[in-house]
């Protein structure tokens, strides 16, 4: 029963932001991962404000996510 109280006392982690999810996706792809679910990639792109066709190649969507992340990293007016 102690594991229950330990579980309840454990610090709660915050969910990832949209940008953090996109960064994690790109980092995984850069490490050699292959996104197996195009719908998930499209969903991440849409949370960044990108319009994505269901027929768009995943590679194109990943490139657009990379560009969106670069725009997010730029300071305003720069």
C-alpha atoms as a PDB file:
ATOM      1  CA  UNK A   1       0.000   0.000   0.000  1.00  0.00           C
ATOM      2  CA  UNK A   2       2.952   2.309   0.460  1.00  0.00           C
ATOM      3  CA  UNK A   3       3.358   2.557  -3.325  1.00  0.00           C
ATOM      4  CA  UNK A   4      -0.043   4.266  -3.491  1.00  0.00           C
ATOM      5  CA  UNK A   5       0.971   7.019  -1.102  1.00  0.00           C
ATOM      6  CA  UNK A   6       4.324   7.375  -2.873  1.00  0.00           C
ATOM      7  CA  UNK A   7       2.501   7.703  -6.189  1.00  0.00           C
ATOM      8  CA  UNK A   8       0.156  10.338  -4.779  1.00  0.00           C
ATOM      9  CA  UNK A   9       3.046  12.368  -3.335  1.00  0.00           C
ATOM     10  CA  UNK A  10       5.152  12.287  -6.471  1.00  0.00           C
ATOM     11  CA  UNK A  11       5.593  15.692  -8.141  1.00  0.00           C
ATOM     12  CA  UNK A  12       3.190  16.331 -10.980  1.00  0.00           C
ATOM     13  CA  UNK A  13       4.735  17.066 -14.347  1.00  0.00           C
ATOM     14  CA  UNK A  14       3.309  19.744 -16.582  1.00  0.00           C
ATOM     15  CA  UNK A  15       2.108  18.720 -20.039  1.00  0.00           C
ATOM     16  CA  UNK A  16       4.299  19.799 -22.912  1.00  0.00           C
ATOM     17  CA  UNK A  17       3.424  22.979 -24.741  1.00  0.00           C
ATOM     18  CA  UNK A  18       2.662  22.879 -28.457  1.00  0.00           C
ATOM     19  CA  UNK A  19       6.144  24.167 -29.263  1.00  0.00           C
ATOM     20  CA  UNK A  20       7.786  21.625 -26.939  1.00  0.00           C
ATOM     21  CA  UNK A  21       5.850  18.788 -28.600  1.00  0.00           C
ATOM     22  CA  UNK A  22       6.987  20.007 -32.021  1.00  0.00           C
ATOM     23  CA  UNK A  23      10.594  20.304 -30.825  1.00  0.00           C
ATOM     24  CA  UNK A  24      10.486  16.776 -29.388  1.00  0.00           C
ATOM     25  CA  UNK A  25       9.149  15.450 -32.699  1.00  0.00           C
ATOM     26  CA  UNK A  26      11.899  17.144 -34.723  1.00  0.00           C
ATOM     27  CA  UNK A  27      14.596  16.004 -32.273  1.00  0.00           C
ATOM     28  CA  UNK A  28      13.346  12.407 -32.558  1.00  0.00           C
ATOM     29  CA  UNK A  29      13.405  12.592 -36.350  1.00  0.00           C
ATOM     30  CA  UNK A  30      16.908  14.096 -36.281  1.00  0.00           C
ATOM     31  CA  UNK A  31      18.072  11.173 -34.134  1.00  0.00           C
ATOM     32  CA  UNK A  32      16.893   8.809 -36.858  1.00  0.00           C
ATOM     33  CA  UNK A  33      13.329   8.176 -35.778  1.00  0.00           C
ATOM     34  CA  UNK A  34      10.606   7.687 -38.338  1.00  0.00           C
ATOM     35  CA  UNK A  35       7.178   9.140 -37.565  1.00  0.00           C
ATOM     36  CA  UNK A  36       4.775   6.231 -37.925  1.00  0.00           C
ATOM     37  CA  UNK A  37       1.574   8.211 -37.525  1.00  0.00           C
ATOM     38  CA  UNK A  38       1.133  10.978 -40.116  1.00  0.00           C
ATOM     39  CA  UNK A  39      -2.070  12.124 -38.391  1.00  0.00           C
ATOM     40  CA  UNK A  40      -0.085  12.893 -35.236  1.00  0.00           C
ATOM     41  CA  UNK A  41       2.491  14.872 -37.213  1.00  0.00           C
ATOM     42  CA  UNK A  42      -0.348  16.791 -38.880  1.00  0.00           C
ATOM     43  CA  UNK A  43      -1.975  17.461 -35.505  1.00  0.00           C
ATOM     44  CA  UNK A  44       1.268  18.902 -34.128  1.00  0.00           C
ATOM     45  CA  UNK A  45       1.608  21.083 -37.217  1.00  0.00           C
ATOM     46  CA  UNK A  46      -1.946  22.350 -36.823  1.00  0.00           C
ATOM     47  CA  UNK A  47      -1.340  23.324 -33.186  1.00  0.00           C
ATOM     48  CA  UNK A  48       1.447  25.564 -34.499  1.00  0.00           C
ATOM     49  CA  UNK A  49      -1.063  27.258 -36.791  1.00  0.00           C
ATOM     50  CA  UNK A  50      -0.115  25.494 -40.014  1.00  0.00           C
ATOM     51  CA  UNK A  51      -2.722  24.412 -42.522  1.00  0.00           C
ATOM     52  CA  UNK A  52      -1.949  20.822 -43.438  1.00  0.00           C
ATOM     53  CA  UNK A  53      -3.575  18.615 -46.035  1.00  0.00           C
ATOM     54  CA  UNK A  54      -4.210  15.006 -45.063  1.00  0.00           C
ATOM     55  CA  UNK A  55      -2.563  14.062 -48.377  1.00  0.00           C
ATOM     56  CA  UNK A  56       0.612  16.093 -47.741  1.00  0.00           C
ATOM     57  CA  UNK A  57       3.783  14.003 -47.487  1.00  0.00           C
ATOM     58  CA  UNK A  58       5.049  13.690 -43.915  1.00  0.00           C
ATOM     59  CA  UNK A  59       8.477  14.930 -45.002  1.00  0.00           C
ATOM     60  CA  UNK A  60       6.961  18.191 -46.248  1.00  0.00           C
ATOM     61  CA  UNK A  61       4.997  18.651 -43.035  1.00  0.00           C
ATOM     62  CA  UNK A  62       8.134  18.027 -40.956  1.00  0.00           C
ATOM     63  CA  UNK A  63       9.991  20.683 -42.961  1.00  0.00           C
ATOM     64  CA  UNK A  64       7.158  23.151 -42.391  1.00  0.00           C
ATOM     65  CA  UNK A  65       7.264  22.383 -38.647  1.00  0.00           C
ATOM     66  CA  UNK A  66      11.026  23.075 -38.665  1.00  0.00           C
ATOM     67  CA  UNK A  67      10.400  26.463 -40.290  1.00  0.00           C
ATOM     68  CA  UNK A  68       7.627  27.274 -37.811  1.00  0.00           C
ATOM     69  CA  UNK A  69       9.963  26.459 -34.913  1.00  0.00           C
ATOM     70  CA  UNK A  70      12.587  28.777 -36.376  1.00  0.00           C
ATOM     71  CA  UNK A  71      10.004  31.548 -36.532  1.00  0.00           C
ATOM     72  CA  UNK A  72       9.041  30.873 -32.903  1.00  0.00           C
ATOM     73  CA  UNK A  73      12.686  31.184 -31.862  1.00  0.00           C
ATOM     74  CA  UNK A  74      13.183  34.572 -33.501  1.00  0.00           C
ATOM     75  CA  UNK A  75      12.743  37.612 -31.268  1.00  0.00           C
ATOM     76  CA  UNK A  76       9.827  39.924 -32.147  1.00  0.00           C
ATOM     77  CA  UNK A  77      10.743  42.400 -34.846  1.00  0.00           C
ATOM     78  CA  UNK A  78      13.906  40.507 -35.697  1.00  0.00           C
END
